[in-house]
Amino acid sequence: MTDLPADDRLIVALDVPHAIAALDLARRLGDSVSFYKIGLGMLTGGGLALANELKGEMGKRIFLDMKLFDIGATVEAAVRGIAQYDLDFLTVHGDPYVVRAAKEGAAGTGLKVLAVTILTSLDRGDLDGALIREGDVQDLVAERAGRAFEAGADGVIASPREAAAIRALPEAAGRLIVTPGVRPAGAARDDQKRVETPASALKSGADHLVVGRPIWQAADPKAAAQAILSEIRGI
């Protein structure tokens, strides 16, 4: 059977120990995957060099998931430095002042700033422990998303369970919704608490799905990626 072509809606998270393992995985996945996420855990393992190689040598799109959070001037300087690498997506925390600073740093480049709403590994109990104000998680995520859009975010990071509520916001028109916490049917949840299947996430309004362990921990990562491509085909 002929392999399905890559689909930019699928972003594979390279949450492996180091850049060598990530490059090996990318080669095994081949033309099945066109978009990769490089997270904070990879930063000290050659993350930026990895991003450059995947982008420049292999023609892949790159999502740098740094979740930047600091005073505005520092965020702006950090994003300006990252923007010179000609990457595609960058995450920052969704606080409006952080988003505004990041957009200043990315000005004049093609780097899209994505705002993190509430991490998909958290639930209401975790928010209580962090002294986050009361309220339903979905409502808080939608409110943070709306404020991030007003501050200029090109998109937001949210769980698939909040995608529909975010997509319904007037401010969401023309903006991206990127959903981690995506698990194919039958896959382990691991440390994710607000999860959905790939097809469900897209039908709820997500533009991109971030999938990590269900692919790179699979005995046959390419087959796992192909199964997801098959599931989202036609949606």
C-alpha atoms as a PDB file:
ATOM      1  CA  MET A   1       0.000   0.000   0.000  1.00  0.00           C
ATOM      2  CA  THR A   2       1.265   3.467  -0.878  1.00  0.00           C
ATOM      3  CA  ASP A   3       2.065   5.678   2.110  1.00  0.00           C
ATOM      4  CA  LEU A   4      -0.193   8.650   2.719  1.00  0.00           C
ATOM      5  CA  PRO A   5       1.569  11.989   2.152  1.00  0.00           C
ATOM      6  CA  ALA A   6       2.508  14.267   5.027  1.00  0.00           C
ATOM      7  CA  ASP A   7      -0.150  16.621   6.356  1.00  0.00           C
ATOM      8  CA  ASP A   8       0.950  19.865   8.035  1.00  0.00           C
ATOM      9  CA  ARG A   9      -1.917  19.505  10.487  1.00  0.00           C
ATOM     10  CA  LEU A  10       0.092  16.769  12.209  1.00  0.00           C
ATOM     11  CA  ILE A  11       3.007  18.081  14.262  1.00  0.00           C
ATOM     12  CA  VAL A  12       5.251  15.426  15.800  1.00  0.00           C
ATOM     13  CA  ALA A  13       6.794  16.343  19.154  1.00  0.00           C
ATOM     14  CA  LEU A  14      10.463  15.395  19.288  1.00  0.00           C
ATOM     15  CA  ASP A  15      10.467  14.835  23.041  1.00  0.00           C
ATOM     16  CA  VAL A  16      13.349  12.386  22.836  1.00  0.00           C
ATOM     17  CA  PRO A  17      16.603  12.556  24.863  1.00  0.00           C
ATOM     18  CA  HIS A  18      18.826  14.420  22.394  1.00  0.00           C
ATOM     19  CA  ALA A  19      19.220  15.729  18.858  1.00  0.00           C
ATOM     20  CA  ILE A  20      20.810  12.542  17.519  1.00  0.00           C
ATOM     21  CA  ALA A  21      17.760  10.517  18.550  1.00  0.00           C
ATOM     22  CA  ALA A  22      15.494  13.200  17.074  1.00  0.00           C
ATOM     23  CA  LEU A  23      17.257  13.142  13.715  1.00  0.00           C
ATOM     24  CA  ASP A  24      17.093   9.361  13.665  1.00  0.00           C
ATOM     25  CA  LEU A  25      13.340   9.531  14.309  1.00  0.00           C
ATOM     26  CA  ALA A  26      12.861  12.156  11.590  1.00  0.00           C
ATOM     27  CA  ARG A  27      14.692   9.955   9.110  1.00  0.00           C
ATOM     28  CA  ARG A  28      12.553   6.948  10.064  1.00  0.00           C
ATOM     29  CA  LEU A  29       9.384   9.000   9.616  1.00  0.00           C
ATOM     30  CA  GLY A  30      10.633  10.329   6.278  1.00  0.00           C
ATOM     31  CA  ASP A  31       8.000  11.923   4.061  1.00  0.00           C
ATOM     32  CA  SER A  32       5.178  10.933   6.421  1.00  0.00           C
ATOM     33  CA  VAL A  33       5.818  13.978   8.612  1.00  0.00           C
ATOM     34  CA  SER A  34       6.462  17.557   7.519  1.00  0.00           C
ATOM     35  CA  PHE A  35       6.157  19.468  10.815  1.00  0.00           C
ATOM     36  CA  TYR A  36       8.075  18.937  14.074  1.00  0.00           C
ATOM     37  CA  LYS A  37       7.908  20.410  17.575  1.00  0.00           C
ATOM     38  CA  ILE A  38      11.107  20.978  19.534  1.00  0.00           C
ATOM     39  CA  GLY A  39      10.480  21.609  23.214  1.00  0.00           C
ATOM     40  CA  LEU A  40      12.299  23.013  26.199  1.00  0.00           C
ATOM     41  CA  GLY A  41      13.640  19.605  27.191  1.00  0.00           C
ATOM     42  CA  MET A  42      15.600  19.431  23.934  1.00  0.00           C
ATOM     43  CA  LEU A  43      17.084  22.917  24.267  1.00  0.00           C
ATOM     44  CA  THR A  44      20.210  21.730  26.106  1.00  0.00           C
ATOM     45  CA  GLY A  45      20.419  18.671  23.860  1.00  0.00           C
ATOM     46  CA  GLY A  46      21.119  20.622  20.685  1.00  0.00           C
ATOM     47  CA  GLY A  47      17.613  21.917  20.064  1.00  0.00           C
ATOM     48  CA  LEU A  48      18.420  24.976  17.965  1.00  0.00           C
ATOM     49  CA  ALA A  49      20.976  23.117  15.874  1.00  0.00           C
ATOM     50  CA  LEU A  50      18.362  20.398  15.396  1.00  0.00           C
ATOM     51  CA  ALA A  51      15.816  22.983  14.293  1.00  0.00           C
ATOM     52  CA  ASN A  52      18.242  24.385  11.737  1.00  0.00           C
ATOM     53  CA  GLU A  53      19.044  20.946  10.332  1.00  0.00           C
ATOM     54  CA  LEU A  54      15.420  19.858  10.082  1.00  0.00           C
ATOM     55  CA  LYS A  55      14.456  23.165   8.468  1.00  0.00           C
ATOM     56  CA  GLY A  56      17.447  23.775   6.225  1.00  0.00           C
ATOM     57  CA  GLU A  57      18.590  20.282   5.318  1.00  0.00           C
ATOM     58  CA  MET A  58      15.315  18.356   5.369  1.00  0.00           C
ATOM     59  CA  GLY A  59      12.805  21.063   4.468  1.00  0.00           C
ATOM     60  CA  LYS A  60      10.608  20.541   7.534  1.00  0.00           C
ATOM     61  CA  ARG A  61       8.481  23.122   9.325  1.00  0.00           C
ATOM     62  CA  ILE A  62       9.479  23.802  12.934  1.00  0.00           C
ATOM     63  CA  PHE A  63       7.476  24.637  16.035  1.00  0.00           C
ATOM     64  CA  LEU A  64       9.779  25.824  18.851  1.00  0.00           C
ATOM     65  CA  ASP A  65       7.908  25.206  22.087  1.00  0.00           C
ATOM     66  CA  MET A  66       9.724  27.375  24.626  1.00  0.00           C
ATOM     67  CA  LYS A  67       6.735  28.772  26.563  1.00  0.00           C
ATOM     68  CA  LEU A  68       8.634  31.992  27.214  1.00  0.00           C
ATOM     69  CA  PHE A  69       7.666  33.954  30.319  1.00  0.00           C
ATOM     70  CA  ASP A  70       9.554  36.954  31.689  1.00  0.00           C
ATOM     71  CA  ILE A  71       9.401  40.732  31.788  1.00  0.00           C
ATOM     72  CA  GLY A  72       8.408  42.265  28.486  1.00  0.00           C
ATOM     73  CA  ALA A  73      11.844  43.538  27.464  1.00  0.00           C
ATOM     74  CA  THR A  74      13.417  40.128  28.019  1.00  0.00           C
ATOM     75  CA  VAL A  75      10.702  38.313  26.088  1.00  0.00           C
ATOM     76  CA  GLU A  76      11.012  40.746  23.203  1.00  0.00           C
ATOM     77  CA  ALA A  77      14.801  40.291  23.073  1.00  0.00           C
ATOM     78  CA  ALA A  78      14.539  36.509  23.260  1.00  0.00           C
ATOM     79  CA  VAL A  79      11.967  36.344  20.466  1.00  0.00           C
ATOM     80  CA  ARG A  80      13.996  38.693  18.285  1.00  0.00           C
ATOM     81  CA  GLY A  81      16.942  36.331  18.645  1.00  0.00           C
ATOM     82  CA  ILE A  82      14.848  33.245  17.892  1.00  0.00           C
ATOM     83  CA  ALA A  83      13.211  34.888  14.880  1.00  0.00           C
ATOM     84  CA  GLN A  84      16.550  35.000  13.036  1.00  0.00           C
ATOM     85  CA  TYR A  85      16.407  31.201  12.701  1.00  0.00           C
ATOM     86  CA  ASP A  86      13.482  31.397  10.248  1.00  0.00           C
ATOM     87  CA  LEU A  87      11.290  28.992  12.213  1.00  0.00           C
ATOM     88  CA  ASP A  88       7.507  28.720  11.973  1.00  0.00           C
ATOM     89  CA  PHE A  89       5.843  28.693  15.423  1.00  0.00           C
ATOM     90  CA  LEU A  90       7.004  29.824  18.877  1.00  0.00           C
ATOM     91  CA  THR A  91       5.127  29.529  22.162  1.00  0.00           C
ATOM     92  CA  VAL A  92       4.975  32.092  24.940  1.00  0.00           C
ATOM     93  CA  HIS A  93       2.768  32.238  28.011  1.00  0.00           C
ATOM     94  CA  GLY A  94      -0.633  33.725  27.272  1.00  0.00           C
ATOM     95  CA  ASP A  95      -0.416  36.771  29.530  1.00  0.00           C
ATOM     96  CA  PRO A  96      -1.233  39.770  27.299  1.00  0.00           C
ATOM     97  CA  TYR A  97       1.935  41.714  28.119  1.00  0.00           C
ATOM     98  CA  VAL A  98       4.051  38.662  27.230  1.00  0.00           C
ATOM     99  CA  VAL A  99       2.204  38.220  23.926  1.00  0.00           C
ATOM    100  CA  ARG A 100       2.620  41.895  23.008  1.00  0.00           C
ATOM    101  CA  ALA A 101       6.337  41.775  23.754  1.00  0.00           C
ATOM    102  CA  ALA A 102       6.760  38.588  21.721  1.00  0.00           C
ATOM    103  CA  LYS A 103       4.972  40.111  18.752  1.00  0.00           C
ATOM    104  CA  GLU A 104       7.338  43.080  18.899  1.00  0.00           C
ATOM    105  CA  GLY A 105      10.279  40.716  18.845  1.00  0.00           C
ATOM    106  CA  ALA A 106       8.862  38.782  15.880  1.00  0.00           C
ATOM    107  CA  ALA A 107       7.925  41.892  13.884  1.00  0.00           C
ATOM    108  CA  GLY A 108       8.933  41.751  10.243  1.00  0.00           C
ATOM    109  CA  THR A 109       9.448  37.983  10.234  1.00  0.00           C
ATOM    110  CA  GLY A 110       7.280  34.976   9.433  1.00  0.00           C
ATOM    111  CA  LEU A 111       7.473  33.605  12.976  1.00  0.00           C
ATOM    112  CA  LYS A 112       3.996  33.024  14.425  1.00  0.00           C
ATOM    113  CA  VAL A 113       3.550  33.623  18.139  1.00  0.00           C
ATOM    114  CA  LEU A 114       1.311  31.096  19.879  1.00  0.00           C
ATOM    115  CA  ALA A 115       0.016  31.790  23.374  1.00  0.00           C
ATOM    116  CA  VAL A 116      -0.243  29.015  25.948  1.00  0.00           C
ATOM    117  CA  THR A 117      -3.607  29.086  27.732  1.00  0.00           C
ATOM    118  CA  ILE A 118      -3.606  26.349  30.401  1.00  0.00           C
ATOM    119  CA  LEU A 119      -1.302  23.346  30.077  1.00  0.00           C
ATOM    120  CA  THR A 120      -3.042  20.139  29.005  1.00  0.00           C
ATOM    121  CA  SER A 121      -1.455  18.266  31.926  1.00  0.00           C
ATOM    122  CA  LEU A 122      -3.418  20.415  34.428  1.00  0.00           C
ATOM    123  CA  ASP A 123      -6.928  20.118  35.807  1.00  0.00           C
ATOM    124  CA  ARG A 124      -8.952  22.188  38.267  1.00  0.00           C
ATOM    125  CA  GLY A 125      -7.158  20.661  41.257  1.00  0.00           C
ATOM    126  CA  ASP A 126      -3.784  21.726  39.848  1.00  0.00           C
ATOM    127  CA  LEU A 127      -5.080  25.259  39.275  1.00  0.00           C
ATOM    128  CA  ASP A 128      -6.335  25.417  42.852  1.00  0.00           C
ATOM    129  CA  GLY A 129      -2.873  24.398  44.050  1.00  0.00           C
ATOM    130  CA  ALA A 130      -1.349  27.208  41.989  1.00  0.00           C
ATOM    131  CA  LEU A 131      -3.821  29.760  43.415  1.00  0.00           C
ATOM    132  CA  ILE A 132      -5.430  30.322  40.003  1.00  0.00           C
ATOM    133  CA  ARG A 133      -8.882  31.887  40.440  1.00  0.00           C
ATOM    134  CA  GLU A 134     -11.955  29.723  40.593  1.00  0.00           C
ATOM    135  CA  GLY A 135     -13.893  28.771  37.493  1.00  0.00           C
ATOM    136  CA  ASP A 136     -14.407  25.998  34.984  1.00  0.00           C
ATOM    137  CA  VAL A 137     -11.173  25.124  33.161  1.00  0.00           C
ATOM    138  CA  GLN A 138     -12.796  25.464  29.733  1.00  0.00           C
ATOM    139  CA  ASP A 139     -14.111  28.930  30.587  1.00  0.00           C
ATOM    140  CA  LEU A 140     -10.702  30.055  31.855  1.00  0.00           C
ATOM    141  CA  VAL A 141      -8.979  28.722  28.745  1.00  0.00           C
ATOM    142  CA  ALA A 142     -11.430  30.531  26.449  1.00  0.00           C
ATOM    143  CA  GLU A 143     -10.998  33.769  28.395  1.00  0.00           C
ATOM    144  CA  ARG A 144      -7.198  33.555  28.265  1.00  0.00           C
ATOM    145  CA  ALA A 145      -7.366  32.768  24.559  1.00  0.00           C
ATOM    146  CA  GLY A 146      -9.547  35.795  23.876  1.00  0.00           C
ATOM    147  CA  ARG A 147      -7.178  38.098  25.762  1.00  0.00           C
ATOM    148  CA  ALA A 148      -4.171  36.627  23.960  1.00  0.00           C
ATOM    149  CA  PHE A 149      -5.832  37.216  20.581  1.00  0.00           C
ATOM    150  CA  GLU A 150      -6.596  40.804  21.569  1.00  0.00           C
ATOM    151  CA  ALA A 151      -2.896  41.223  22.432  1.00  0.00           C
ATOM    152  CA  GLY A 152      -1.945  40.071  18.926  1.00  0.00           C
ATOM    153  CA  ALA A 153      -1.292  36.326  19.257  1.00  0.00           C
ATOM    154  CA  ASP A 154      -1.289  34.494  15.937  1.00  0.00           C
ATOM    155  CA  GLY A 155      -2.778  31.481  17.681  1.00  0.00           C
ATOM    156  CA  VAL A 156      -3.148  29.661  20.961  1.00  0.00           C
ATOM    157  CA  ILE A 157      -2.206  26.349  22.529  1.00  0.00           C
ATOM    158  CA  ALA A 158      -5.120  24.583  24.196  1.00  0.00           C
ATOM    159  CA  SER A 159      -6.395  21.079  24.757  1.00  0.00           C
ATOM    160  CA  PRO A 160      -8.757  19.620  22.145  1.00  0.00           C
ATOM    161  CA  ARG A 161     -11.568  19.822  24.692  1.00  0.00           C
ATOM    162  CA  GLU A 162     -11.442  23.622  24.585  1.00  0.00           C
ATOM    163  CA  ALA A 163     -10.973  23.985  20.822  1.00  0.00           C
ATOM    164  CA  ALA A 164     -14.658  24.437  20.015  1.00  0.00           C
ATOM    165  CA  ALA A 165     -15.145  27.129  22.677  1.00  0.00           C
ATOM    166  CA  ILE A 166     -12.088  29.011  21.418  1.00  0.00           C
ATOM    167  CA  ARG A 167     -13.098  28.683  17.772  1.00  0.00           C
ATOM    168  CA  ALA A 168     -16.467  30.241  18.657  1.00  0.00           C
ATOM    169  CA  LEU A 169     -14.795  33.436  19.923  1.00  0.00           C
ATOM    170  CA  PRO A 170     -15.115  36.417  17.544  1.00  0.00           C
ATOM    171  CA  GLU A 171     -11.422  37.152  18.152  1.00  0.00           C
ATOM    172  CA  ALA A 172     -10.483  33.673  16.893  1.00  0.00           C
ATOM    173  CA  ALA A 173     -11.291  34.434  13.270  1.00  0.00           C
ATOM    174  CA  GLY A 174      -8.170  33.814  11.189  1.00  0.00           C
ATOM    175  CA  ARG A 175      -6.169  32.646  14.222  1.00  0.00           C
ATOM    176  CA  LEU A 176      -4.595  29.240  14.839  1.00  0.00           C
ATOM    177  CA  ILE A 177      -5.597  26.677  17.435  1.00  0.00           C
ATOM    178  CA  VAL A 178      -2.858  24.139  18.132  1.00  0.00           C
ATOM    179  CA  THR A 179      -3.779  21.191  20.325  1.00  0.00           C
ATOM    180  CA  PRO A 180      -1.422  18.988  22.331  1.00  0.00           C
ATOM    181  CA  GLY A 181      -3.048  16.301  24.452  1.00  0.00           C
ATOM    182  CA  VAL A 182      -4.028  14.379  21.316  1.00  0.00           C
ATOM    183  CA  ARG A 183      -4.124  10.610  21.683  1.00  0.00           C
ATOM    184  CA  PRO A 184      -5.231   8.059  19.070  1.00  0.00           C
ATOM    185  CA  ALA A 185      -7.999   5.737  20.298  1.00  0.00           C
ATOM    186  CA  GLY A 186      -6.557   3.197  22.720  1.00  0.00           C
ATOM    187  CA  ALA A 187      -3.303   5.067  23.350  1.00  0.00           C
ATOM    188  CA  ALA A 188      -2.077   5.717  26.892  1.00  0.00           C
ATOM    189  CA  ARG A 189      -2.865   9.143  28.320  1.00  0.00           C
ATOM    190  CA  ASP A 190       0.541   9.387  30.062  1.00  0.00           C
ATOM    191  CA  ASP A 191       0.578  12.686  32.018  1.00  0.00           C
ATOM    192  CA  GLN A 192      -2.126  14.341  29.884  1.00  0.00           C
ATOM    193  CA  LYS A 193      -5.479  14.952  31.570  1.00  0.00           C
ATOM    194  CA  ARG A 194      -7.592  16.720  28.902  1.00  0.00           C
ATOM    195  CA  VAL A 195      -7.241  14.566  25.801  1.00  0.00           C
ATOM    196  CA  GLU A 196      -9.152  13.731  22.605  1.00  0.00           C
ATOM    197  CA  THR A 197      -8.544  11.732  19.428  1.00  0.00           C
ATOM    198  CA  PRO A 198      -7.005  13.377  16.331  1.00  0.00           C
ATOM    199  CA  ALA A 199     -10.288  13.350  14.398  1.00  0.00           C
ATOM    200  CA  SER A 200     -12.224  14.792  17.345  1.00  0.00           C
ATOM    201  CA  ALA A 201      -9.693  17.598  17.824  1.00  0.00           C
ATOM    202  CA  LEU A 202      -9.915  18.677  14.183  1.00  0.00           C
ATOM    203  CA  LYS A 203     -13.700  18.511  14.155  1.00  0.00           C
ATOM    204  CA  SER A 204     -13.724  20.740  17.236  1.00  0.00           C
ATOM    205  CA  GLY A 205     -11.815  23.462  15.412  1.00  0.00           C
ATOM    206  CA  ALA A 206      -8.127  22.674  15.865  1.00  0.00           C
ATOM    207  CA  ASP A 207      -5.777  23.612  13.016  1.00  0.00           C
ATOM    208  CA  HIS A 208      -2.801  21.519  14.139  1.00  0.00           C
ATOM    209  CA  LEU A 209      -2.403  18.440  16.323  1.00  0.00           C
ATOM    210  CA  VAL A 210       0.708  17.855  18.422  1.00  0.00           C
ATOM    211  CA  VAL A 211       1.441  14.157  18.926  1.00  0.00           C
ATOM    212  CA  GLY A 212       4.567  12.875  20.658  1.00  0.00           C
ATOM    213  CA  ARG A 213       4.755   9.637  22.629  1.00  0.00           C
ATOM    214  CA  PRO A 214       2.106   7.721  20.636  1.00  0.00           C
ATOM    215  CA  ILE A 215       4.456   8.095  17.646  1.00  0.00           C
ATOM    216  CA  TRP A 216       8.023   8.088  18.946  1.00  0.00           C
ATOM    217  CA  GLN A 217       7.400   5.388  21.548  1.00  0.00           C
ATOM    218  CA  ALA A 218       5.698   3.111  19.006  1.00  0.00           C
ATOM    219  CA  ALA A 219       7.487   0.004  17.798  1.00  0.00           C
ATOM    220  CA  ASP A 220       7.014   1.384  14.272  1.00  0.00           C
ATOM    221  CA  PRO A 221       6.832   5.202  14.456  1.00  0.00           C
ATOM    222  CA  LYS A 222       6.133   5.583  10.747  1.00  0.00           C
ATOM    223  CA  ALA A 223       3.186   3.197  10.942  1.00  0.00           C
ATOM    224  CA  ALA A 224       1.853   5.129  13.941  1.00  0.00           C
ATOM    225  CA  ALA A 225       2.108   8.408  12.012  1.00  0.00           C
ATOM    226  CA  GLN A 226       0.440   6.817   8.997  1.00  0.00           C
ATOM    227  CA  ALA A 227      -2.444   5.629  11.186  1.00  0.00           C
ATOM    228  CA  ILE A 228      -3.044   9.205  12.355  1.00  0.00           C
ATOM    229  CA  LEU A 229      -2.838  10.514   8.783  1.00  0.00           C
ATOM    230  CA  SER A 230      -5.438   7.933   7.821  1.00  0.00           C
ATOM    231  CA  GLU A 231      -7.692   9.013  10.688  1.00  0.00           C
ATOM    232  CA  ILE A 232      -7.604  12.721   9.787  1.00  0.00           C
ATOM    233  CA  ARG A 233      -7.783  12.230   6.041  1.00  0.00           C
ATOM    234  CA  GLY A 234     -10.797  14.025   4.622  1.00  0.00           C
ATOM    235  CA  ILE A 235     -11.526  16.061   7.753  1.00  0.00           C
END
